[in-house]
Amino acid sequence: MVTKNIQTQRKARGRPSSFDRETALMAAMRLFWDRGYEGTSFDDLTAVMGISASSFYNSFGSKEALYHEAIDAYARQASAWFVAALETGQTTADAFRALFEAAACAFTRCDSPSGCMIASAATQCSPAQSRLKELMIDQRRLAEDAMKQRLALGVKAGDLAPTTDLDALAGYFSTVMQGLGIQARDGASREKLIEIGHMALSVFKQ
């Protein structure tokens, strides 16, 4: 969920595009988020983006290149609340409480598809799309690394024991985050997601 710059921009050829590129990209992102890469057809994309096939290829290059841009756009949005939450509160437990509550809100917004686009993509990408699979793995690693860094600050501040297994704990919280995304996708309420997140914090009391 932490932004990674992916160089997939294509310079338009010929006459300037007569559409707002960012608006079209956001429309594509929401469609990919809702249906996954393979569940979204080229015709679906051009229809929701409001562009012609030639404008699509001139501006985005290919469906796969567009998907990379869409994931990057989603990661930029998610990183805003993700990073802000980890910087919240006085203790490590405070920070992760804020993180899970922010995730519950983000995954259940009424103006966007439910769940986490990156977590959902883990179940929507076939083995044949190995490059997309690696992209998803990379994004999840970035998020887990950010959690590990925050936990390391907790050890330094004395919130966590020096013997804390940071890799395992970061992996645990990463798994909880992905699980919240899947739960939201299945229709779980915001309240249920928050409750699950709060239960995960019990590890700080051990």
N, C-alpha and C. Protein backbone atom coordinates (compact mmCIF):
# COMPACT_ATOMS: atom_id res chain seq x y z
N MET A 1 0.80 -1.20 0.00
CA MET A 1 0.00 0.00 0.00
C MET A 1 0.84 1.26 0.00
N VAL A 2 2.13 1.16 0.15
CA VAL A 2 3.00 2.31 0.11
C VAL A 2 3.40 2.56 -1.33
N THR A 3 3.37 3.81 -1.72
CA THR A 3 3.55 4.14 -3.12
C THR A 3 4.90 3.72 -3.64
N LYS A 4 4.90 3.10 -4.80
CA LYS A 4 6.13 2.80 -5.51
C LYS A 4 6.00 3.40 -6.89
N ASN A 5 6.97 4.22 -7.31
CA ASN A 5 6.90 4.83 -8.62
C ASN A 5 7.18 3.80 -9.68
N ILE A 6 6.21 3.61 -10.55
CA ILE A 6 6.33 2.64 -11.63
C ILE A 6 6.29 3.41 -12.94
N GLN A 7 7.35 3.35 -13.69
CA GLN A 7 7.45 4.13 -14.91
C GLN A 7 6.70 3.45 -16.04
N THR A 8 5.44 3.82 -16.19
CA THR A 8 4.63 3.23 -17.24
C THR A 8 4.00 4.30 -18.13
N GLN A 9 4.40 5.53 -17.95
CA GLN A 9 3.82 6.60 -18.74
C GLN A 9 4.20 6.43 -20.20
N ARG A 10 3.25 6.70 -21.07
CA ARG A 10 3.48 6.67 -22.50
C ARG A 10 3.18 8.05 -23.05
N LYS A 11 4.07 8.59 -23.87
CA LYS A 11 3.80 9.88 -24.48
C LYS A 11 2.81 9.70 -25.62
N ALA A 12 1.83 10.56 -25.64
CA ALA A 12 0.82 10.47 -26.70
C ALA A 12 1.44 10.81 -28.04
N ARG A 13 0.98 10.11 -29.06
CA ARG A 13 1.43 10.35 -30.42
C ARG A 13 0.31 11.03 -31.19
N GLY A 14 0.69 11.83 -32.20
CA GLY A 14 -0.31 12.47 -33.04
C GLY A 14 -0.94 13.66 -32.34
N ARG A 15 -2.23 13.88 -32.60
CA ARG A 15 -2.93 15.03 -32.04
C ARG A 15 -3.10 14.88 -30.52
N PRO A 16 -3.15 16.00 -29.79
CA PRO A 16 -3.34 15.95 -28.33
C PRO A 16 -4.63 15.25 -27.98
N SER A 17 -4.64 14.54 -26.87
CA SER A 17 -5.84 13.84 -26.42
C SER A 17 -6.91 14.86 -26.05
N SER A 18 -8.16 14.52 -26.32
CA SER A 18 -9.26 15.43 -26.04
C SER A 18 -9.97 15.04 -24.75
N PHE A 19 -9.28 14.33 -23.86
CA PHE A 19 -9.87 13.91 -22.59
C PHE A 19 -8.89 14.19 -21.46
N ASP A 20 -9.43 14.20 -20.26
CA ASP A 20 -8.59 14.41 -19.08
C ASP A 20 -7.96 13.08 -18.71
N ARG A 21 -6.65 12.98 -18.84
CA ARG A 21 -5.97 11.71 -18.64
C ARG A 21 -6.12 11.20 -17.20
N GLU A 22 -6.01 12.09 -16.24
CA GLU A 22 -6.09 11.68 -14.84
C GLU A 22 -7.49 11.17 -14.50
N THR A 23 -8.50 11.83 -15.03
CA THR A 23 -9.87 11.38 -14.80
C THR A 23 -10.09 9.99 -15.39
N ALA A 24 -9.57 9.79 -16.59
CA ALA A 24 -9.70 8.48 -17.24
C ALA A 24 -8.96 7.41 -16.45
N LEU A 25 -7.78 7.76 -15.93
CA LEU A 25 -7.00 6.80 -15.14
C LEU A 25 -7.75 6.41 -13.87
N MET A 26 -8.35 7.38 -13.20
CA MET A 26 -9.10 7.09 -11.98
C MET A 26 -10.30 6.19 -12.26
N ALA A 27 -10.94 6.40 -13.40
CA ALA A 27 -12.07 5.55 -13.77
C ALA A 27 -11.60 4.12 -14.02
N ALA A 28 -10.45 3.99 -14.69
CA ALA A 28 -9.89 2.66 -14.94
C ALA A 28 -9.47 1.99 -13.64
N MET A 29 -8.89 2.77 -12.73
CA MET A 29 -8.48 2.22 -11.45
C MET A 29 -9.66 1.63 -10.70
N ARG A 30 -10.77 2.34 -10.65
CA ARG A 30 -11.95 1.84 -9.93
C ARG A 30 -12.51 0.58 -10.59
N LEU A 31 -12.44 0.53 -11.92
CA LEU A 31 -12.94 -0.66 -12.61
C LEU A 31 -12.05 -1.86 -12.34
N PHE A 32 -10.74 -1.68 -12.43
CA PHE A 32 -9.81 -2.76 -12.11
C PHE A 32 -9.98 -3.20 -10.66
N TRP A 33 -10.16 -2.25 -9.78
CA TRP A 33 -10.35 -2.53 -8.36
C TRP A 33 -11.58 -3.40 -8.15
N ASP A 34 -12.63 -3.10 -8.87
CA ASP A 34 -13.89 -3.82 -8.72
C ASP A 34 -13.86 -5.20 -9.38
N ARG A 35 -13.23 -5.31 -10.56
CA ARG A 35 -13.33 -6.54 -11.34
C ARG A 35 -12.02 -7.32 -11.47
N GLY A 36 -10.90 -6.72 -11.09
CA GLY A 36 -9.63 -7.39 -11.28
C GLY A 36 -9.11 -7.21 -12.69
N TYR A 37 -7.87 -7.59 -12.92
CA TYR A 37 -7.24 -7.39 -14.24
C TYR A 37 -7.93 -8.22 -15.31
N GLU A 38 -8.05 -9.51 -15.07
CA GLU A 38 -8.59 -10.39 -16.10
C GLU A 38 -10.10 -10.28 -16.23
N GLY A 39 -10.75 -9.76 -15.21
CA GLY A 39 -12.20 -9.59 -15.27
C GLY A 39 -12.61 -8.30 -15.96
N THR A 40 -11.64 -7.49 -16.37
CA THR A 40 -11.91 -6.22 -17.04
C THR A 40 -11.49 -6.31 -18.49
N SER A 41 -12.43 -6.14 -19.39
CA SER A 41 -12.13 -6.23 -20.82
C SER A 41 -11.68 -4.87 -21.36
N PHE A 42 -11.09 -4.90 -22.54
CA PHE A 42 -10.67 -3.66 -23.19
C PHE A 42 -11.88 -2.77 -23.46
N ASP A 43 -12.99 -3.38 -23.92
CA ASP A 43 -14.19 -2.60 -24.18
C ASP A 43 -14.75 -1.98 -22.90
N ASP A 44 -14.66 -2.71 -21.78
CA ASP A 44 -15.09 -2.17 -20.49
C ASP A 44 -14.29 -0.91 -20.16
N LEU A 45 -12.99 -0.99 -20.38
CA LEU A 45 -12.11 0.12 -20.05
C LEU A 45 -12.40 1.36 -20.88
N THR A 46 -12.45 1.19 -22.19
CA THR A 46 -12.69 2.36 -23.05
C THR A 46 -14.05 2.98 -22.76
N ALA A 47 -15.04 2.14 -22.42
CA ALA A 47 -16.37 2.66 -22.12
C ALA A 47 -16.37 3.50 -20.85
N VAL A 48 -15.79 2.96 -19.77
CA VAL A 48 -15.81 3.69 -18.50
C VAL A 48 -14.88 4.89 -18.53
N MET A 49 -13.81 4.82 -19.34
CA MET A 49 -12.88 5.93 -19.44
C MET A 49 -13.37 7.00 -20.41
N GLY A 50 -14.33 6.64 -21.25
CA GLY A 50 -14.89 7.59 -22.21
C GLY A 50 -13.93 7.97 -23.31
N ILE A 51 -13.14 7.00 -23.78
CA ILE A 51 -12.15 7.29 -24.83
C ILE A 51 -12.23 6.25 -25.94
N SER A 52 -11.64 6.59 -27.06
CA SER A 52 -11.60 5.67 -28.20
C SER A 52 -10.42 4.73 -28.05
N ALA A 53 -10.42 3.68 -28.86
CA ALA A 53 -9.31 2.73 -28.82
C ALA A 53 -7.99 3.40 -29.16
N SER A 54 -8.00 4.28 -30.17
CA SER A 54 -6.76 4.95 -30.57
C SER A 54 -6.24 5.85 -29.45
N SER A 55 -7.15 6.56 -28.78
CA SER A 55 -6.72 7.42 -27.66
C SER A 55 -6.17 6.58 -26.51
N PHE A 56 -6.78 5.41 -26.30
CA PHE A 56 -6.30 4.51 -25.25
C PHE A 56 -4.85 4.11 -25.52
N TYR A 57 -4.58 3.61 -26.73
CA TYR A 57 -3.23 3.14 -27.04
C TYR A 57 -2.23 4.29 -27.08
N ASN A 58 -2.65 5.44 -27.60
CA ASN A 58 -1.74 6.59 -27.65
C ASN A 58 -1.38 7.09 -26.25
N SER A 59 -2.33 7.02 -25.33
CA SER A 59 -2.10 7.59 -24.00
C SER A 59 -1.58 6.59 -22.98
N PHE A 60 -1.99 5.32 -23.09
CA PHE A 60 -1.63 4.35 -22.06
C PHE A 60 -0.81 3.16 -22.56
N GLY A 61 -0.74 2.97 -23.84
CA GLY A 61 0.12 1.94 -24.40
C GLY A 61 -0.52 0.57 -24.49
N SER A 62 -0.99 0.05 -23.38
CA SER A 62 -1.58 -1.29 -23.36
C SER A 62 -2.40 -1.45 -22.08
N LYS A 63 -3.19 -2.50 -22.04
CA LYS A 63 -3.98 -2.77 -20.85
C LYS A 63 -3.07 -3.03 -19.66
N GLU A 64 -2.00 -3.78 -19.85
CA GLU A 64 -1.10 -4.09 -18.74
C GLU A 64 -0.40 -2.83 -18.23
N ALA A 65 0.03 -1.96 -19.15
CA ALA A 65 0.67 -0.71 -18.73
C ALA A 65 -0.30 0.16 -17.95
N LEU A 66 -1.56 0.18 -18.39
CA LEU A 66 -2.59 0.94 -17.68
C LEU A 66 -2.81 0.37 -16.28
N TYR A 67 -2.80 -0.95 -16.18
CA TYR A 67 -3.00 -1.58 -14.87
C TYR A 67 -1.88 -1.20 -13.91
N HIS A 68 -0.66 -1.16 -14.40
CA HIS A 68 0.46 -0.72 -13.57
C HIS A 68 0.22 0.70 -13.07
N GLU A 69 -0.24 1.57 -13.95
CA GLU A 69 -0.52 2.94 -13.54
C GLU A 69 -1.66 2.99 -12.53
N ALA A 70 -2.66 2.15 -12.74
CA ALA A 70 -3.81 2.12 -11.84
C ALA A 70 -3.38 1.68 -10.44
N ILE A 71 -2.54 0.66 -10.37
CA ILE A 71 -2.04 0.20 -9.07
C ILE A 71 -1.22 1.29 -8.40
N ASP A 72 -0.41 1.98 -9.18
CA ASP A 72 0.40 3.06 -8.63
C ASP A 72 -0.49 4.18 -8.11
N ALA A 73 -1.57 4.49 -8.84
CA ALA A 73 -2.51 5.53 -8.41
C ALA A 73 -3.21 5.11 -7.12
N TYR A 74 -3.60 3.84 -7.04
CA TYR A 74 -4.24 3.35 -5.82
C TYR A 74 -3.26 3.42 -4.64
N ALA A 75 -2.02 3.02 -4.90
CA ALA A 75 -1.02 3.03 -3.83
C ALA A 75 -0.77 4.44 -3.32
N ARG A 76 -0.79 5.42 -4.20
CA ARG A 76 -0.62 6.81 -3.77
C ARG A 76 -1.76 7.23 -2.85
N GLN A 77 -2.97 6.86 -3.21
CA GLN A 77 -4.12 7.19 -2.37
C GLN A 77 -4.04 6.49 -1.02
N ALA A 78 -3.76 5.20 -1.05
CA ALA A 78 -3.72 4.42 0.18
C ALA A 78 -2.59 4.85 1.11
N SER A 79 -1.46 5.23 0.51
CA SER A 79 -0.31 5.60 1.34
C SER A 79 -0.60 6.83 2.18
N ALA A 80 -1.53 7.68 1.72
CA ALA A 80 -1.85 8.90 2.47
C ALA A 80 -2.39 8.55 3.85
N TRP A 81 -3.40 7.65 3.90
CA TRP A 81 -3.93 7.29 5.23
C TRP A 81 -3.06 6.26 5.93
N PHE A 82 -2.36 5.43 5.18
CA PHE A 82 -1.51 4.40 5.77
C PHE A 82 -0.36 5.04 6.56
N VAL A 83 0.35 5.95 5.92
CA VAL A 83 1.49 6.60 6.57
C VAL A 83 1.02 7.50 7.70
N ALA A 84 -0.06 8.24 7.47
CA ALA A 84 -0.58 9.14 8.51
C ALA A 84 -0.96 8.36 9.76
N ALA A 85 -1.57 7.19 9.58
CA ALA A 85 -1.98 6.39 10.73
C ALA A 85 -0.77 5.90 11.52
N LEU A 86 0.25 5.44 10.84
CA LEU A 86 1.43 4.94 11.54
C LEU A 86 2.18 6.03 12.28
N GLU A 87 1.93 7.28 11.92
CA GLU A 87 2.58 8.40 12.59
C GLU A 87 1.71 8.97 13.71
N THR A 88 0.56 8.32 13.94
CA THR A 88 -0.40 8.79 14.94
C THR A 88 -0.12 8.20 16.32
N GLY A 89 -0.42 8.95 17.35
CA GLY A 89 -0.37 8.42 18.72
C GLY A 89 1.00 8.45 19.34
N GLN A 90 1.00 8.16 20.63
CA GLN A 90 2.23 8.20 21.41
C GLN A 90 2.95 6.84 21.44
N THR A 91 2.20 5.77 21.33
CA THR A 91 2.79 4.44 21.44
C THR A 91 2.62 3.66 20.14
N THR A 92 3.31 2.53 20.08
CA THR A 92 3.19 1.66 18.91
C THR A 92 1.77 1.10 18.81
N ALA A 93 1.19 0.75 19.94
CA ALA A 93 -0.18 0.25 19.94
C ALA A 93 -1.14 1.31 19.42
N ASP A 94 -0.92 2.57 19.81
CA ASP A 94 -1.75 3.67 19.31
C ASP A 94 -1.68 3.74 17.79
N ALA A 95 -0.47 3.62 17.27
CA ALA A 95 -0.26 3.74 15.82
C ALA A 95 -0.98 2.64 15.06
N PHE A 96 -0.88 1.41 15.55
CA PHE A 96 -1.53 0.30 14.84
C PHE A 96 -3.04 0.30 15.05
N ARG A 97 -3.49 0.82 16.17
CA ARG A 97 -4.94 1.00 16.34
C ARG A 97 -5.45 1.99 15.29
N ALA A 98 -4.74 3.09 15.13
CA ALA A 98 -5.13 4.08 14.12
C ALA A 98 -5.06 3.49 12.72
N LEU A 99 -4.07 2.64 12.47
CA LEU A 99 -3.91 2.02 11.16
C LEU A 99 -5.09 1.12 10.81
N PHE A 100 -5.48 0.26 11.74
CA PHE A 100 -6.58 -0.65 11.48
C PHE A 100 -7.92 0.09 11.36
N GLU A 101 -8.10 1.13 12.15
CA GLU A 101 -9.32 1.91 12.06
C GLU A 101 -9.39 2.66 10.73
N ALA A 102 -8.23 3.20 10.29
CA ALA A 102 -8.19 3.89 8.99
C ALA A 102 -8.46 2.92 7.85
N ALA A 103 -7.92 1.71 7.98
CA ALA A 103 -8.14 0.70 6.95
C ALA A 103 -9.62 0.32 6.88
N ALA A 104 -10.24 0.15 8.03
CA ALA A 104 -11.66 -0.20 8.08
C ALA A 104 -12.50 0.86 7.37
N CYS A 105 -12.15 2.11 7.58
CA CYS A 105 -12.88 3.21 6.91
C CYS A 105 -12.61 3.22 5.41
N ALA A 106 -11.35 3.07 5.04
CA ALA A 106 -10.98 3.11 3.61
C ALA A 106 -11.59 1.94 2.84
N PHE A 107 -11.67 0.78 3.47
CA PHE A 107 -12.16 -0.42 2.78
C PHE A 107 -13.68 -0.48 2.68
N THR A 108 -14.37 0.43 3.35
CA THR A 108 -15.84 0.38 3.35
C THR A 108 -16.45 1.71 2.90
N ARG A 109 -15.71 2.48 2.13
CA ARG A 109 -16.25 3.74 1.63
C ARG A 109 -17.34 3.48 0.61
N CYS A 110 -18.37 4.33 0.64
CA CYS A 110 -19.50 4.14 -0.26
C CYS A 110 -19.23 4.69 -1.66
N ASP A 111 -18.16 5.48 -1.83
CA ASP A 111 -17.87 6.07 -3.13
C ASP A 111 -16.76 5.35 -3.88
N SER A 112 -16.43 4.15 -3.45
CA SER A 112 -15.40 3.36 -4.14
C SER A 112 -15.68 1.88 -3.92
N PRO A 113 -15.07 1.00 -4.72
CA PRO A 113 -15.26 -0.44 -4.50
C PRO A 113 -14.81 -0.83 -3.10
N SER A 114 -15.38 -1.87 -2.57
CA SER A 114 -15.04 -2.30 -1.21
C SER A 114 -13.71 -3.04 -1.19
N GLY A 115 -13.12 -3.09 -0.02
CA GLY A 115 -11.88 -3.83 0.16
C GLY A 115 -10.65 -3.08 -0.30
N CYS A 116 -9.56 -3.82 -0.40
CA CYS A 116 -8.27 -3.27 -0.82
C CYS A 116 -7.95 -3.77 -2.22
N MET A 117 -7.66 -2.86 -3.12
CA MET A 117 -7.38 -3.23 -4.51
C MET A 117 -6.21 -4.20 -4.60
N ILE A 118 -5.18 -3.97 -3.80
CA ILE A 118 -3.98 -4.80 -3.86
C ILE A 118 -4.23 -6.17 -3.24
N ALA A 119 -4.96 -6.22 -2.12
CA ALA A 119 -5.29 -7.50 -1.51
C ALA A 119 -6.20 -8.31 -2.42
N SER A 120 -7.17 -7.64 -3.05
CA SER A 120 -8.09 -8.33 -3.95
C SER A 120 -7.35 -8.88 -5.16
N ALA A 121 -6.36 -8.14 -5.63
CA ALA A 121 -5.62 -8.58 -6.81
C ALA A 121 -4.90 -9.89 -6.58
N ALA A 122 -4.61 -10.22 -5.33
CA ALA A 122 -3.94 -11.47 -5.02
C ALA A 122 -4.81 -12.66 -5.41
N THR A 123 -6.11 -12.47 -5.43
CA THR A 123 -7.04 -13.55 -5.77
C THR A 123 -7.60 -13.40 -7.18
N GLN A 124 -7.16 -12.37 -7.91
CA GLN A 124 -7.72 -12.08 -9.22
C GLN A 124 -6.69 -12.16 -10.33
N CYS A 125 -5.51 -12.63 -10.05
CA CYS A 125 -4.43 -12.67 -11.03
C CYS A 125 -4.03 -14.12 -11.31
N SER A 126 -4.11 -14.52 -12.56
CA SER A 126 -3.79 -15.91 -12.91
C SER A 126 -2.28 -16.11 -12.94
N PRO A 127 -1.82 -17.37 -12.85
CA PRO A 127 -0.38 -17.66 -12.90
C PRO A 127 0.28 -17.15 -14.17
N ALA A 128 -0.51 -17.01 -15.24
CA ALA A 128 0.07 -16.55 -16.51
C ALA A 128 0.52 -15.10 -16.44
N GLN A 129 -0.07 -14.33 -15.54
CA GLN A 129 0.29 -12.92 -15.40
C GLN A 129 1.37 -12.76 -14.34
N SER A 130 2.52 -13.31 -14.60
CA SER A 130 3.59 -13.33 -13.60
C SER A 130 4.10 -11.93 -13.26
N ARG A 131 4.15 -11.04 -14.24
CA ARG A 131 4.65 -9.69 -13.96
C ARG A 131 3.68 -8.93 -13.05
N LEU A 132 2.40 -9.13 -13.27
CA LEU A 132 1.41 -8.48 -12.40
C LEU A 132 1.45 -9.09 -11.00
N LYS A 133 1.67 -10.40 -10.94
CA LYS A 133 1.77 -11.05 -9.64
C LYS A 133 2.94 -10.48 -8.85
N GLU A 134 4.08 -10.29 -9.52
CA GLU A 134 5.25 -9.72 -8.84
C GLU A 134 4.99 -8.29 -8.39
N LEU A 135 4.22 -7.55 -9.19
CA LEU A 135 3.87 -6.18 -8.81
C LEU A 135 3.09 -6.17 -7.52
N MET A 136 2.13 -7.07 -7.39
CA MET A 136 1.32 -7.14 -6.18
C MET A 136 2.17 -7.53 -4.97
N ILE A 137 3.04 -8.52 -5.17
CA ILE A 137 3.92 -8.96 -4.09
C ILE A 137 4.80 -7.80 -3.62
N ASP A 138 5.32 -7.04 -4.58
CA ASP A 138 6.19 -5.92 -4.26
C ASP A 138 5.44 -4.87 -3.44
N GLN A 139 4.22 -4.56 -3.83
CA GLN A 139 3.44 -3.56 -3.09
C GLN A 139 3.16 -4.02 -1.67
N ARG A 140 2.83 -5.30 -1.51
CA ARG A 140 2.55 -5.81 -0.16
C ARG A 140 3.81 -5.81 0.69
N ARG A 141 4.95 -6.06 0.09
CA ARG A 141 6.22 -6.02 0.83
C ARG A 141 6.51 -4.60 1.30
N LEU A 142 6.23 -3.62 0.46
CA LEU A 142 6.47 -2.24 0.85
C LEU A 142 5.63 -1.87 2.09
N ALA A 143 4.38 -2.30 2.09
CA ALA A 143 3.52 -2.03 3.24
C ALA A 143 4.03 -2.72 4.49
N GLU A 144 4.43 -3.98 4.32
CA GLU A 144 4.94 -4.73 5.48
C GLU A 144 6.24 -4.13 6.00
N ASP A 145 7.08 -3.66 5.10
CA ASP A 145 8.33 -3.02 5.52
C ASP A 145 8.05 -1.75 6.33
N ALA A 146 7.03 -1.00 5.93
CA ALA A 146 6.67 0.22 6.67
C ALA A 146 6.19 -0.13 8.07
N MET A 147 5.43 -1.22 8.19
CA MET A 147 5.00 -1.67 9.51
C MET A 147 6.21 -2.09 10.36
N LYS A 148 7.13 -2.78 9.75
CA LYS A 148 8.30 -3.24 10.48
C LYS A 148 9.11 -2.04 10.99
N GLN A 149 9.23 -1.01 10.17
CA GLN A 149 9.97 0.17 10.59
C GLN A 149 9.30 0.84 11.79
N ARG A 150 7.96 0.87 11.77
CA ARG A 150 7.24 1.47 12.92
C ARG A 150 7.42 0.61 14.17
N LEU A 151 7.42 -0.69 14.01
CA LEU A 151 7.64 -1.57 15.16
C LEU A 151 9.06 -1.39 15.71
N ALA A 152 10.01 -1.20 14.82
CA ALA A 152 11.39 -0.98 15.26
C ALA A 152 11.50 0.29 16.09
N LEU A 153 10.72 1.31 15.72
CA LEU A 153 10.70 2.53 16.52
C LEU A 153 10.12 2.24 17.90
N GLY A 154 9.17 1.32 17.95
CA GLY A 154 8.59 0.94 19.23
C GLY A 154 9.60 0.28 20.14
N VAL A 155 10.45 -0.56 19.57
CA VAL A 155 11.52 -1.19 20.35
C VAL A 155 12.48 -0.12 20.88
N LYS A 156 12.82 0.80 20.00
CA LYS A 156 13.75 1.87 20.39
C LYS A 156 13.17 2.75 21.49
N ALA A 157 11.84 2.98 21.43
CA ALA A 157 11.18 3.84 22.43
C ALA A 157 10.86 3.09 23.71
N GLY A 158 11.01 1.77 23.72
CA GLY A 158 10.71 0.99 24.90
C GLY A 158 9.29 0.47 24.96
N ASP A 159 8.48 0.70 23.89
CA ASP A 159 7.11 0.17 23.84
C ASP A 159 7.09 -1.34 23.68
N LEU A 160 8.08 -1.84 22.96
CA LEU A 160 8.18 -3.27 22.69
C LEU A 160 9.48 -3.81 23.25
N ALA A 161 9.44 -5.07 23.62
CA ALA A 161 10.64 -5.70 24.17
C ALA A 161 11.74 -5.79 23.13
N PRO A 162 13.00 -5.68 23.57
CA PRO A 162 14.13 -5.79 22.62
C PRO A 162 14.15 -7.13 21.89
N THR A 163 13.54 -8.14 22.47
CA THR A 163 13.54 -9.47 21.86
C THR A 163 12.40 -9.68 20.87
N THR A 164 11.60 -8.64 20.63
CA THR A 164 10.46 -8.75 19.71
C THR A 164 10.93 -9.19 18.33
N ASP A 165 10.28 -10.19 17.78
CA ASP A 165 10.57 -10.64 16.42
C ASP A 165 9.85 -9.70 15.46
N LEU A 166 10.56 -8.71 14.97
CA LEU A 166 9.94 -7.68 14.14
C LEU A 166 9.41 -8.24 12.82
N ASP A 167 10.14 -9.17 12.23
CA ASP A 167 9.69 -9.76 10.96
C ASP A 167 8.36 -10.49 11.14
N ALA A 168 8.28 -11.29 12.20
CA ALA A 168 7.07 -12.06 12.43
C ALA A 168 5.89 -11.15 12.77
N LEU A 169 6.13 -10.14 13.60
CA LEU A 169 5.04 -9.25 14.01
C LEU A 169 4.56 -8.40 12.84
N ALA A 170 5.50 -7.92 12.03
CA ALA A 170 5.10 -7.15 10.84
C ALA A 170 4.33 -8.05 9.88
N GLY A 171 4.77 -9.29 9.74
CA GLY A 171 4.06 -10.24 8.88
C GLY A 171 2.66 -10.51 9.39
N TYR A 172 2.52 -10.61 10.70
CA TYR A 172 1.21 -10.83 11.31
C TYR A 172 0.27 -9.67 11.01
N PHE A 173 0.75 -8.45 11.25
CA PHE A 173 -0.10 -7.28 11.01
C PHE A 173 -0.40 -7.11 9.52
N SER A 174 0.54 -7.46 8.67
CA SER A 174 0.29 -7.41 7.23
C SER A 174 -0.81 -8.39 6.84
N THR A 175 -0.78 -9.57 7.45
CA THR A 175 -1.81 -10.57 7.19
C THR A 175 -3.18 -10.08 7.66
N VAL A 176 -3.20 -9.42 8.83
CA VAL A 176 -4.46 -8.87 9.33
C VAL A 176 -5.00 -7.82 8.36
N MET A 177 -4.12 -6.95 7.87
CA MET A 177 -4.54 -5.91 6.93
C MET A 177 -5.13 -6.51 5.67
N GLN A 178 -4.46 -7.50 5.12
CA GLN A 178 -4.97 -8.15 3.92
C GLN A 178 -6.30 -8.83 4.20
N GLY A 179 -6.40 -9.44 5.38
CA GLY A 179 -7.65 -10.09 5.76
C GLY A 179 -8.80 -9.10 5.89
N LEU A 180 -8.52 -7.90 6.41
CA LEU A 180 -9.55 -6.88 6.50
C LEU A 180 -10.06 -6.51 5.11
N GLY A 181 -9.13 -6.44 4.15
CA GLY A 181 -9.52 -6.12 2.79
C GLY A 181 -10.42 -7.18 2.19
N ILE A 182 -10.10 -8.44 2.43
CA ILE A 182 -10.92 -9.54 1.91
C ILE A 182 -12.28 -9.57 2.62
N GLN A 183 -12.27 -9.35 3.94
CA GLN A 183 -13.53 -9.32 4.69
C GLN A 183 -14.45 -8.22 4.15
N ALA A 184 -13.88 -7.05 3.90
CA ALA A 184 -14.67 -5.94 3.36
C ALA A 184 -15.23 -6.30 1.99
N ARG A 185 -14.42 -6.97 1.21
CA ARG A 185 -14.85 -7.40 -0.13
C ARG A 185 -16.06 -8.34 -0.03
N ASP A 186 -16.09 -9.12 1.04
CA ASP A 186 -17.18 -10.07 1.25
C ASP A 186 -18.40 -9.42 1.91
N GLY A 187 -18.30 -8.12 2.17
CA GLY A 187 -19.47 -7.41 2.71
C GLY A 187 -19.44 -7.13 4.19
N ALA A 188 -18.32 -7.39 4.86
CA ALA A 188 -18.23 -7.12 6.31
C ALA A 188 -18.41 -5.63 6.57
N SER A 189 -19.05 -5.31 7.67
CA SER A 189 -19.30 -3.92 8.02
C SER A 189 -18.03 -3.25 8.53
N ARG A 190 -18.06 -1.94 8.53
CA ARG A 190 -16.93 -1.17 9.08
C ARG A 190 -16.72 -1.51 10.55
N GLU A 191 -17.83 -1.64 11.28
CA GLU A 191 -17.74 -1.95 12.71
C GLU A 191 -17.06 -3.30 12.95
N LYS A 192 -17.39 -4.28 12.13
CA LYS A 192 -16.76 -5.60 12.27
C LYS A 192 -15.26 -5.52 11.99
N LEU A 193 -14.88 -4.77 10.95
CA LEU A 193 -13.46 -4.64 10.62
C LEU A 193 -12.69 -3.97 11.75
N ILE A 194 -13.29 -2.94 12.34
CA ILE A 194 -12.64 -2.26 13.45
C ILE A 194 -12.47 -3.20 14.64
N GLU A 195 -13.49 -3.99 14.91
CA GLU A 195 -13.41 -4.96 16.01
C GLU A 195 -12.30 -5.97 15.78
N ILE A 196 -12.17 -6.45 14.55
CA ILE A 196 -11.10 -7.40 14.22
C ILE A 196 -9.74 -6.74 14.42
N GLY A 197 -9.62 -5.51 13.94
CA GLY A 197 -8.36 -4.80 14.10
C GLY A 197 -7.99 -4.61 15.56
N HIS A 198 -8.98 -4.28 16.37
CA HIS A 198 -8.72 -4.10 17.81
C HIS A 198 -8.29 -5.41 18.46
N MET A 199 -8.87 -6.51 18.02
CA MET A 199 -8.49 -7.81 18.58
C MET A 199 -7.04 -8.13 18.25
N ALA A 200 -6.61 -7.73 17.06
CA ALA A 200 -5.23 -7.99 16.65
C ALA A 200 -4.23 -7.26 17.56
N LEU A 201 -4.66 -6.17 18.18
CA LEU A 201 -3.79 -5.40 19.05
C LEU A 201 -3.49 -6.11 20.37
N SER A 202 -4.20 -7.21 20.63
CA SER A 202 -3.99 -7.93 21.88
C SER A 202 -2.55 -8.45 22.00
N VAL A 203 -1.85 -8.56 20.89
CA VAL A 203 -0.46 -9.04 20.95
C VAL A 203 0.42 -8.07 21.73
N PHE A 204 0.02 -6.80 21.82
CA PHE A 204 0.83 -5.83 22.55
C PHE A 204 0.70 -6.02 24.06
N LYS A 205 -0.29 -6.78 24.50
CA LYS A 205 -0.53 -6.98 25.93
C LYS A 205 0.14 -8.24 26.47
N GLN A 206 0.74 -8.99 25.57
CA GLN A 206 1.35 -10.26 25.99
C GLN A 206 2.70 -10.00 26.67
